[in-house]
Amino acid sequence: MGLWNLNNFGLDPNKLAENLKNGSLYKFLNRNITRKNISRYLKKEKNGNTRIEEMVKKFSSDNRTFFESK
């Protein structure tokens, strides 16, 4: 297969990167408060997993249907 050559897609990677940096999602994610909150979920817990890993495990092991409550 090989690597994709971005030149075959008719777009300039530098222009694409610049457009992403000017977007509102990038600006939101690059704020200090957002990075601080995200880093809380990436911090290792006592069991060696991150908080986000624990949340995904709990979510994926939940066998309830959409309308079922606890």
Protein backbone atom coordinates (compact mmCIF):
# COMPACT_ATOMS: atom_id res chain seq x y z
CA MET A 1 0.00 0.00 0.00
CA GLY A 2 2.49 2.61 1.08
CA LEU A 3 2.08 6.06 2.53
CA TRP A 4 -0.43 8.50 1.15
CA ASN A 5 0.97 11.29 -0.92
CA LEU A 6 -0.96 14.44 0.00
CA ASN A 7 0.07 16.07 -3.25
CA ASN A 8 -2.28 13.70 -5.09
CA PHE A 9 -5.28 15.10 -3.23
CA GLY A 10 -4.99 18.60 -4.59
CA LEU A 11 -4.52 20.34 -1.26
CA ASP A 12 -1.63 22.05 0.38
CA PRO A 13 -0.77 20.47 3.77
CA ASN A 14 0.54 23.81 5.06
CA LYS A 15 -2.70 25.55 4.12
CA LEU A 16 -4.70 22.77 5.76
CA ALA A 17 -2.67 23.07 8.99
CA GLU A 18 -3.14 26.84 9.00
CA ASN A 19 -6.91 26.47 8.54
CA LEU A 20 -7.09 24.00 11.42
CA LYS A 21 -5.17 26.36 13.70
CA ASN A 22 -7.57 29.18 12.88
CA GLY A 23 -10.62 27.02 13.63
CA SER A 24 -12.70 27.35 16.76
CA LEU A 25 -12.10 23.75 17.89
CA TYR A 26 -8.34 24.29 17.94
CA LYS A 27 -8.76 27.53 19.85
CA PHE A 28 -11.06 25.84 22.36
CA LEU A 29 -8.72 22.87 22.90
CA ASN A 30 -5.68 25.11 23.21
CA ARG A 31 -7.10 27.17 26.11
CA ASN A 32 -5.38 26.73 29.47
CA ILE A 33 -8.56 25.74 31.28
CA THR A 34 -9.44 23.13 28.64
CA ARG A 35 -5.96 21.62 28.72
CA LYS A 36 -6.06 21.56 32.52
CA ASN A 37 -9.40 19.72 32.54
CA ILE A 38 -8.29 17.25 29.88
CA SER A 39 -5.07 16.53 31.76
CA ARG A 40 -7.15 15.45 34.78
CA TYR A 41 -8.62 12.62 32.72
CA LEU A 42 -5.20 11.58 31.42
CA LYS A 43 -3.63 11.37 34.89
CA LYS A 44 -2.78 7.86 36.08
CA GLU A 45 -4.85 6.45 38.94
CA LYS A 46 -3.63 4.13 41.72
CA ASN A 47 -4.45 1.07 39.60
CA GLY A 48 -2.25 2.30 36.72
CA ASN A 49 -5.10 3.25 34.37
CA THR A 50 -6.11 6.75 33.42
CA ARG A 51 -9.51 8.15 34.34
CA ILE A 52 -10.58 8.10 30.70
CA GLU A 53 -9.66 4.39 30.46
CA GLU A 54 -11.80 3.66 33.51
CA MET A 55 -14.72 5.61 32.04
CA VAL A 56 -14.48 3.70 28.76
CA LYS A 57 -14.39 0.37 30.62
CA LYS A 58 -17.48 1.28 32.63
CA PHE A 59 -19.31 2.50 29.54
CA SER A 60 -18.43 -0.55 27.43
CA SER A 61 -19.41 -3.02 30.17
CA ASP A 62 -22.85 -1.47 30.70
CA ASN A 63 -25.43 -3.90 29.31
CA ARG A 64 -28.50 -1.74 29.89
CA THR A 65 -30.66 -0.69 26.96
CA PHE A 66 -31.08 2.96 26.10
CA PHE A 67 -34.38 3.34 27.98
CA GLU A 68 -33.56 1.12 30.93
CA SER A 69 -32.63 2.80 34.20
CA LYS A 70 -30.77 1.48 37.23
